[in-house]
């Protein structure tokens, strides 16, 4: 699902969800960004809307990937790809 700032600009797609943050991956990039769940304004059929504009809405991931319990909540996060 797409993550949008308060103006509707696409910041990326939900990669996974942790206990306190939403991990966002930008298009054509392997780099993750974090959006605190407290910044999520609403979730609609068109995306997840967060408070703030562009880069002010996202934070560097830092060591959160090691400290957060990661979940994959559908349909917000795309299901992991499996190889047959």
PDB file of N, CA and C in Angstrom:
ATOM      1  N   UNK A   1       0.840  -1.163   0.000  1.00  0.00           N
ATOM      2  CA  UNK A   1       0.000   0.000   0.000  1.00  0.00           C
ATOM      3  C   UNK A   1       0.894   1.239   0.000  1.00  0.00           C
ATOM      4  N   UNK A   2       0.480   2.265  -0.694  1.00  0.00           N
ATOM      5  CA  UNK A   2       1.269   3.493  -0.796  1.00  0.00           C
ATOM      6  C   UNK A   2       1.160   4.320   0.478  1.00  0.00           C
ATOM      7  N   UNK A   3       2.264   4.981   0.806  1.00  0.00           N
ATOM      8  CA  UNK A   3       2.305   5.901   1.943  1.00  0.00           C
ATOM      9  C   UNK A   3       2.379   7.305   1.369  1.00  0.00           C
ATOM     10  N   UNK A   4       1.476   8.162   1.821  1.00  0.00           N
ATOM     11  CA  UNK A   4       1.389   9.527   1.287  1.00  0.00           C
ATOM     12  C   UNK A   4       1.544  10.532   2.420  1.00  0.00           C
ATOM     13  N   UNK A   5       2.156  11.687   2.084  1.00  0.00           N
ATOM     14  CA  UNK A   5       2.272  12.747   3.089  1.00  0.00           C
ATOM     15  C   UNK A   5       0.951  13.495   3.171  1.00  0.00           C
ATOM     16  N   UNK A   6       0.898  14.535   3.992  1.00  0.00           N
ATOM     17  CA  UNK A   6      -0.365  15.247   4.204  1.00  0.00           C
ATOM     18  C   UNK A   6      -0.868  15.950   2.953  1.00  0.00           C
ATOM     19  N   UNK A   7       0.021  16.181   1.962  1.00  0.00           N
ATOM     20  CA  UNK A   7      -0.392  16.803   0.709  1.00  0.00           C
ATOM     21  C   UNK A   7      -0.773  15.780  -0.354  1.00  0.00           C
ATOM     22  N   UNK A   8      -0.621  14.487  -0.045  1.00  0.00           N
ATOM     23  CA  UNK A   8      -0.969  13.439  -0.989  1.00  0.00           C
ATOM     24  C   UNK A   8       0.187  12.944  -1.829  1.00  0.00           C
ATOM     25  N   UNK A   9       1.398  13.479  -1.627  1.00  0.00           N
ATOM     26  CA  UNK A   9       2.570  13.038  -2.385  1.00  0.00           C
ATOM     27  C   UNK A   9       2.991  11.651  -1.895  1.00  0.00           C
ATOM     28  N   UNK A  10       3.281  10.751  -2.831  1.00  0.00           N
ATOM     29  CA  UNK A  10       3.670   9.386  -2.490  1.00  0.00           C
ATOM     30  C   UNK A  10       5.100   9.377  -1.949  1.00  0.00           C
ATOM     31  N   UNK A  11       5.261   8.825  -0.743  1.00  0.00           N
ATOM     32  CA  UNK A  11       6.578   8.711  -0.115  1.00  0.00           C
ATOM     33  C   UNK A  11       7.196   7.347  -0.365  1.00  0.00           C
ATOM     34  N   UNK A  12       6.388   6.358  -0.675  1.00  0.00           N
ATOM     35  CA  UNK A  12       6.863   5.002  -0.912  1.00  0.00           C
ATOM     36  C   UNK A  12       5.750   4.015  -0.624  1.00  0.00           C
ATOM     37  N   UNK A  13       6.146   2.744  -0.452  1.00  0.00           N
ATOM     38  CA  UNK A  13       5.181   1.687  -0.142  1.00  0.00           C
ATOM     39  C   UNK A  13       5.520   1.063   1.196  1.00  0.00           C
ATOM     40  N   UNK A  14       4.513   0.561   1.865  1.00  0.00           N
ATOM     41  CA  UNK A  14       4.717  -0.110   3.145  1.00  0.00           C
ATOM     42  C   UNK A  14       5.512  -1.391   2.896  1.00  0.00           C
ATOM     43  N   UNK A  15       6.652  -1.526   3.570  1.00  0.00           N
ATOM     44  CA  UNK A  15       7.458  -2.741   3.469  1.00  0.00           C
ATOM     45  C   UNK A  15       7.061  -3.711   4.569  1.00  0.00           C
ATOM     46  N   UNK A  16       6.954  -3.204   5.782  1.00  0.00           N
ATOM     47  CA  UNK A  16       6.507  -4.004   6.926  1.00  0.00           C
ATOM     48  C   UNK A  16       6.135  -3.057   8.053  1.00  0.00           C
ATOM     49  N   UNK A  17       5.542  -3.632   9.075  1.00  0.00           N
ATOM     50  CA  UNK A  17       5.072  -2.833  10.200  1.00  0.00           C
ATOM     51  C   UNK A  17       5.698  -3.378  11.470  1.00  0.00           C
ATOM     52  N   UNK A  18       6.216  -2.470  12.291  1.00  0.00           N
ATOM     53  CA  UNK A  18       6.772  -2.845  13.581  1.00  0.00           C
ATOM     54  C   UNK A  18       5.820  -2.455  14.701  1.00  0.00           C
ATOM     55  N   UNK A  19       6.307  -2.557  15.930  1.00  0.00           N
ATOM     56  CA  UNK A  19       5.475  -2.203  17.082  1.00  0.00           C
ATOM     57  C   UNK A  19       5.179  -0.712  17.137  1.00  0.00           C
ATOM     58  N   UNK A  20       6.162   0.115  16.756  1.00  0.00           N
ATOM     59  CA  UNK A  20       6.000   1.561  16.886  1.00  0.00           C
ATOM     60  C   UNK A  20       6.173   2.330  15.586  1.00  0.00           C
ATOM     61  N   UNK A  21       6.642   1.670  14.531  1.00  0.00           N
ATOM     62  CA  UNK A  21       6.879   2.354  13.263  1.00  0.00           C
ATOM     63  C   UNK A  21       6.365   1.555  12.082  1.00  0.00           C
ATOM     64  N   UNK A  22       6.158   2.274  11.006  1.00  0.00           N
ATOM     65  CA  UNK A  22       5.806   1.719   9.714  1.00  0.00           C
ATOM     66  C   UNK A  22       7.055   1.836   8.859  1.00  0.00           C
ATOM     67  N   UNK A  23       7.536   0.740   8.288  1.00  0.00           N
ATOM     68  CA  UNK A  23       8.728   0.783   7.442  1.00  0.00           C
ATOM     69  C   UNK A  23       8.298   1.015   6.010  1.00  0.00           C
ATOM     70  N   UNK A  24       8.916   2.008   5.369  1.00  0.00           N
ATOM     71  CA  UNK A  24       8.540   2.434   4.023  1.00  0.00           C
ATOM     72  C   UNK A  24       9.734   2.259   3.093  1.00  0.00           C
ATOM     73  N   UNK A  25       9.477   1.681   1.929  1.00  0.00           N
ATOM     74  CA  UNK A  25      10.514   1.533   0.906  1.00  0.00           C
ATOM     75  C   UNK A  25      10.142   2.427  -0.271  1.00  0.00           C
ATOM     76  N   UNK A  26      11.089   3.260  -0.685  1.00  0.00           N
ATOM     77  CA  UNK A  26      10.848   4.131  -1.826  1.00  0.00           C
ATOM     78  C   UNK A  26      11.008   3.342  -3.117  1.00  0.00           C
ATOM     79  N   UNK A  27      10.334   3.786  -4.126  1.00  0.00           N
ATOM     80  CA  UNK A  27      10.367   3.111  -5.425  1.00  0.00           C
ATOM     81  C   UNK A  27      11.784   3.059  -5.969  1.00  0.00           C
ATOM     82  N   UNK A  28      12.169   1.919  -6.500  1.00  0.00           N
ATOM     83  CA  UNK A  28      13.484   1.676  -7.100  1.00  0.00           C
ATOM     84  C   UNK A  28      14.629   1.829  -6.100  1.00  0.00           C
ATOM     85  N   UNK A  29      14.356   1.618  -4.839  1.00  0.00           N
ATOM     86  CA  UNK A  29      15.383   1.752  -3.809  1.00  0.00           C
ATOM     87  C   UNK A  29      15.268   0.590  -2.837  1.00  0.00           C
ATOM     88  N   UNK A  30      16.389   0.167  -2.285  1.00  0.00           N
ATOM     89  CA  UNK A  30      16.381  -0.873  -1.265  1.00  0.00           C
ATOM     90  C   UNK A  30      16.402  -0.264   0.130  1.00  0.00           C
ATOM     91  N   UNK A  31      16.553   1.041   0.204  1.00  0.00           N
ATOM     92  CA  UNK A  31      16.656   1.731   1.487  1.00  0.00           C
ATOM     93  C   UNK A  31      15.286   1.859   2.147  1.00  0.00           C
ATOM     94  N   UNK A  32      15.260   1.591   3.441  1.00  0.00           N
ATOM     95  CA  UNK A  32      14.027   1.721   4.207  1.00  0.00           C
ATOM     96  C   UNK A  32      14.019   3.026   4.994  1.00  0.00           C
ATOM     97  N   UNK A  33      12.828   3.544   5.200  1.00  0.00           N
ATOM     98  CA  UNK A  33      12.598   4.702   6.053  1.00  0.00           C
ATOM     99  C   UNK A  33      11.576   4.299   7.100  1.00  0.00           C
ATOM    100  N   UNK A  34      11.518   5.018   8.182  1.00  0.00           N
ATOM    101  CA  UNK A  34      10.571   4.720   9.252  1.00  0.00           C
ATOM    102  C   UNK A  34       9.595   5.877   9.419  1.00  0.00           C
ATOM    103  N   UNK A  35       8.341   5.536   9.620  1.00  0.00           N
ATOM    104  CA  UNK A  35       7.307   6.514   9.943  1.00  0.00           C
ATOM    105  C   UNK A  35       6.695   6.071  11.264  1.00  0.00           C
ATOM    106  N   UNK A  36       6.817   6.872  12.321  1.00  0.00           N
ATOM    107  CA  UNK A  36       6.199   6.490  13.595  1.00  0.00           C
ATOM    108  C   UNK A  36       4.696   6.300  13.433  1.00  0.00           C
ATOM    109  N   UNK A  37       4.159   5.271  14.063  1.00  0.00           N
ATOM    110  CA  UNK A  37       2.732   5.012  13.946  1.00  0.00           C
ATOM    111  C   UNK A  37       1.901   6.165  14.490  1.00  0.00           C
ATOM    112  N   UNK A  38       2.485   6.963  15.381  1.00  0.00           N
ATOM    113  CA  UNK A  38       1.768   8.124  15.905  1.00  0.00           C
ATOM    114  C   UNK A  38       1.550   9.192  14.835  1.00  0.00           C
ATOM    115  N   UNK A  39       2.299   9.123  13.724  1.00  0.00           N
ATOM    116  CA  UNK A  39       2.146  10.091  12.636  1.00  0.00           C
ATOM    117  C   UNK A  39       1.122   9.656  11.592  1.00  0.00           C
ATOM    118  N   UNK A  40       0.610   8.429  11.707  1.00  0.00           N
ATOM    119  CA  UNK A  40      -0.392   7.951  10.752  1.00  0.00           C
ATOM    120  C   UNK A  40      -1.706   8.668  11.041  1.00  0.00           C
ATOM    121  N   UNK A  41      -2.191   9.377  10.036  1.00  0.00           N
ATOM    122  CA  UNK A  41      -3.438  10.141  10.164  1.00  0.00           C
ATOM    123  C   UNK A  41      -4.650   9.272   9.846  1.00  0.00           C
ATOM    124  N   UNK A  42      -4.576   8.577   8.699  1.00  0.00           N
ATOM    125  CA  UNK A  42      -5.703   7.736   8.294  1.00  0.00           C
ATOM    126  C   UNK A  42      -5.225   6.719   7.258  1.00  0.00           C
ATOM    127  N   UNK A  43      -6.018   5.665   7.121  1.00  0.00           N
ATOM    128  CA  UNK A  43      -5.762   4.626   6.127  1.00  0.00           C
ATOM    129  C   UNK A  43      -7.006   4.528   5.266  1.00  0.00           C
ATOM    130  N   UNK A  44      -6.826   4.701   3.948  1.00  0.00           N
ATOM    131  CA  UNK A  44      -7.948   4.624   3.016  1.00  0.00           C
ATOM    132  C   UNK A  44      -7.608   3.594   1.941  1.00  0.00           C
ATOM    133  N   UNK A  45      -8.502   3.431   1.004  1.00  0.00           N
ATOM    134  CA  UNK A  45      -8.247   2.536  -0.117  1.00  0.00           C
ATOM    135  C   UNK A  45      -7.144   3.035  -1.024  1.00  0.00           C
ATOM    136  N   UNK A  46      -6.790   4.320  -0.912  1.00  0.00           N
ATOM    137  CA  UNK A  46      -5.752   4.890  -1.763  1.00  0.00           C
ATOM    138  C   UNK A  46      -4.401   4.968  -1.087  1.00  0.00           C
ATOM    139  N   UNK A  47      -4.332   4.654   0.193  1.00  0.00           N
ATOM    140  CA  UNK A  47      -3.035   4.666   0.847  1.00  0.00           C
ATOM    141  C   UNK A  47      -3.096   5.007   2.319  1.00  0.00           C
ATOM    142  N   UNK A  48      -1.918   5.058   2.903  1.00  0.00           N
ATOM    143  CA  UNK A  48      -1.742   5.431   4.298  1.00  0.00           C
ATOM    144  C   UNK A  48      -1.308   6.893   4.297  1.00  0.00           C
ATOM    145  N   UNK A  49      -2.049   7.741   4.964  1.00  0.00           N
ATOM    146  CA  UNK A  49      -1.725   9.170   5.012  1.00  0.00           C
ATOM    147  C   UNK A  49      -1.055   9.481   6.346  1.00  0.00           C
ATOM    148  N   UNK A  50       0.091  10.178   6.272  1.00  0.00           N
ATOM    149  CA  UNK A  50       0.844  10.516   7.475  1.00  0.00           C
ATOM    150  C   UNK A  50       0.968  12.030   7.595  1.00  0.00           C
ATOM    151  N   UNK A  51       1.162  12.496   8.825  1.00  0.00           N
ATOM    152  CA  UNK A  51       1.327  13.937   9.041  1.00  0.00           C
ATOM    153  C   UNK A  51       2.747  14.344   8.636  1.00  0.00           C
ATOM    154  N   UNK A  52       2.872  15.566   8.195  1.00  0.00           N
ATOM    155  CA  UNK A  52       4.169  16.075   7.751  1.00  0.00           C
ATOM    156  C   UNK A  52       4.258  16.084   6.241  1.00  0.00           C
ATOM    157  N   UNK A  53       5.245  16.803   5.754  1.00  0.00           N
ATOM    158  CA  UNK A  53       5.449  16.918   4.314  1.00  0.00           C
ATOM    159  C   UNK A  53       6.763  16.267   3.917  1.00  0.00           C
ATOM    160  N   UNK A  54       6.741  15.518   2.857  1.00  0.00           N
ATOM    161  CA  UNK A  54       7.886  14.869   2.243  1.00  0.00           C
ATOM    162  C   UNK A  54       8.851  14.273   3.259  1.00  0.00           C
ATOM    163  N   UNK A  55      10.076  14.768   3.301  1.00  0.00           N
ATOM    164  CA  UNK A  55      11.107  14.162   4.150  1.00  0.00           C
ATOM    165  C   UNK A  55      10.894  14.433   5.637  1.00  0.00           C
ATOM    166  N   UNK A  56      10.068  15.396   5.982  1.00  0.00           N
ATOM    167  CA  UNK A  56       9.760  15.635   7.396  1.00  0.00           C
ATOM    168  C   UNK A  56       8.867  14.529   7.954  1.00  0.00           C
ATOM    169  N   UNK A  57       8.192  13.789   7.073  1.00  0.00           N
ATOM    170  CA  UNK A  57       7.283  12.731   7.508  1.00  0.00           C
ATOM    171  C   UNK A  57       8.004  11.420   7.788  1.00  0.00           C
ATOM    172  N   UNK A  58       9.211  11.253   7.238  1.00  0.00           N
ATOM    173  CA  UNK A  58       9.944   9.994   7.411  1.00  0.00           C
ATOM    174  C   UNK A  58      11.220  10.225   8.210  1.00  0.00           C
ATOM    175  N   UNK A  59      11.700   9.155   8.830  1.00  0.00           N
ATOM    176  CA  UNK A  59      12.919   9.211   9.628  1.00  0.00           C
ATOM    177  C   UNK A  59      13.851   8.093   9.176  1.00  0.00           C
ATOM    178  N   UNK A  60      15.153   8.240   9.387  1.00  0.00           N
ATOM    179  CA  UNK A  60      16.056   7.127   9.095  1.00  0.00           C
ATOM    180  C   UNK A  60      15.719   5.933   9.988  1.00  0.00           C
ATOM    181  N   UNK A  61      15.911   4.739   9.468  1.00  0.00           N
ATOM    182  CA  UNK A  61      15.571   3.528  10.206  1.00  0.00           C
ATOM    183  C   UNK A  61      16.501   3.323  11.396  1.00  0.00           C
ATOM    184  N   UNK A  62      17.790   3.571  11.226  1.00  0.00           N
ATOM    185  CA  UNK A  62      18.744   3.360  12.318  1.00  0.00           C
ATOM    186  C   UNK A  62      18.781   1.906  12.739  1.00  0.00           C
ATOM    187  N   UNK A  63      18.718   1.643  14.028  1.00  0.00           N
ATOM    188  CA  UNK A  63      18.777   0.264  14.518  1.00  0.00           C
ATOM    189  C   UNK A  63      17.397  -0.316  14.801  1.00  0.00           C
ATOM    190  N   UNK A  64      16.360   0.310  14.291  1.00  0.00           N
ATOM    191  CA  UNK A  64      14.994  -0.153  14.560  1.00  0.00           C
ATOM    192  C   UNK A  64      14.716  -1.537  13.992  1.00  0.00           C
ATOM    193  N   UNK A  65      15.387  -1.910  12.901  1.00  0.00           N
ATOM    194  CA  UNK A  65      15.149  -3.242  12.345  1.00  0.00           C
ATOM    195  C   UNK A  65      15.579  -4.329  13.319  1.00  0.00           C
ATOM    196  N   UNK A  66      16.543  -4.035  14.178  1.00  0.00           N
ATOM    197  CA  UNK A  66      16.998  -5.015  15.164  1.00  0.00           C
ATOM    198  C   UNK A  66      16.149  -4.989  16.424  1.00  0.00           C
ATOM    199  N   UNK A  67      15.535  -3.859  16.733  1.00  0.00           N
ATOM    200  CA  UNK A  67      14.816  -3.734  17.995  1.00  0.00           C
ATOM    201  C   UNK A  67      13.303  -3.884  17.868  1.00  0.00           C
ATOM    202  N   UNK A  68      12.758  -3.683  16.703  1.00  0.00           N
ATOM    203  CA  UNK A  68      11.310  -3.785  16.492  1.00  0.00           C
ATOM    204  C   UNK A  68      10.897  -5.229  16.235  1.00  0.00           C
ATOM    205  N   UNK A  69       9.724  -5.595  16.684  1.00  0.00           N
ATOM    206  CA  UNK A  69       9.130  -6.872  16.311  1.00  0.00           C
ATOM    207  C   UNK A  69       8.376  -6.615  15.015  1.00  0.00           C
ATOM    208  N   UNK A  70       8.840  -7.231  13.945  1.00  0.00           N
ATOM    209  CA  UNK A  70       8.299  -6.976  12.615  1.00  0.00           C
ATOM    210  C   UNK A  70       7.101  -7.878  12.354  1.00  0.00           C
ATOM    211  N   UNK A  71       6.057  -7.273  11.798  1.00  0.00           N
ATOM    212  CA  UNK A  71       4.881  -8.026  11.380  1.00  0.00           C
ATOM    213  C   UNK A  71       4.611  -7.712   9.922  1.00  0.00           C
ATOM    214  N   UNK A  72       3.879  -8.543   9.277  1.00  0.00           N
ATOM    215  CA  UNK A  72       3.438  -8.282   7.903  1.00  0.00           C
ATOM    216  C   UNK A  72       1.918  -8.277   7.933  1.00  0.00           C
ATOM    217  N   UNK A  73       1.347  -7.110   8.060  1.00  0.00           N
ATOM    218  CA  UNK A  73      -0.093  -6.975   8.159  1.00  0.00           C
ATOM    219  C   UNK A  73      -0.657  -6.716   6.760  1.00  0.00           C
ATOM    220  N   UNK A  74      -1.494  -7.620   6.307  1.00  0.00           N
ATOM    221  CA  UNK A  74      -2.087  -7.472   4.980  1.00  0.00           C
ATOM    222  C   UNK A  74      -3.401  -6.721   5.114  1.00  0.00           C
ATOM    223  N   UNK A  75      -3.799  -5.880   4.205  1.00  0.00           N
ATOM    224  CA  UNK A  75      -3.184  -5.607   2.919  1.00  0.00           C
ATOM    225  C   UNK A  75      -2.206  -4.442   2.945  1.00  0.00           C
ATOM    226  N   UNK A  76      -1.876  -3.894   4.118  1.00  0.00           N
ATOM    227  CA  UNK A  76      -0.957  -2.759   4.158  1.00  0.00           C
ATOM    228  C   UNK A  76       0.409  -3.111   3.585  1.00  0.00           C
ATOM    229  N   UNK A  77       0.966  -4.243   3.995  1.00  0.00           N
ATOM    230  CA  UNK A  77       2.268  -4.663   3.502  1.00  0.00           C
ATOM    231  C   UNK A  77       2.067  -5.747   2.455  1.00  0.00           C
ATOM    232  N   UNK A  78       2.866  -5.689   1.416  1.00  0.00           N
ATOM    233  CA  UNK A  78       2.784  -6.709   0.381  1.00  0.00           C
ATOM    234  C   UNK A  78       3.254  -8.039   0.948  1.00  0.00           C
ATOM    235  N   UNK A  79       2.629  -9.141   0.560  1.00  0.00           N
ATOM    236  CA  UNK A  79       3.073 -10.435   1.066  1.00  0.00           C
ATOM    237  C   UNK A  79       4.486 -10.741   0.570  1.00  0.00           C
ATOM    238  N   UNK A  80       5.287 -11.462   1.388  1.00  0.00           N
ATOM    239  CA  UNK A  80       6.633 -11.788   0.944  1.00  0.00           C
ATOM    240  C   UNK A  80       6.598 -12.690  -0.268  1.00  0.00           C
ATOM    241  N   UNK A  81       7.553 -12.492  -1.145  1.00  0.00           N
ATOM    242  CA  UNK A  81       7.601 -13.308  -2.361  1.00  0.00           C
ATOM    243  C   UNK A  81       8.177 -14.683  -2.020  1.00  0.00           C
ATOM    244  N   UNK A  82       7.541 -15.691  -2.523  1.00  0.00           N
ATOM    245  CA  UNK A  82       8.045 -17.052  -2.308  1.00  0.00           C
ATOM    246  C   UNK A  82       8.450 -17.628  -3.661  1.00  0.00           C
ATOM    247  N   UNK A  83       9.496 -18.398  -3.634  1.00  0.00           N
ATOM    248  CA  UNK A  83       9.979 -19.021  -4.871  1.00  0.00           C
ATOM    249  C   UNK A  83       9.481 -20.458  -4.917  1.00  0.00           C
ATOM    250  N   UNK A  84       8.910 -20.840  -6.024  1.00  0.00           N
ATOM    251  CA  UNK A  84       8.370 -22.199  -6.159  1.00  0.00           C
ATOM    252  C   UNK A  84       9.429 -23.168  -6.624  1.00  0.00           C
TER     253      UNK A  84
END
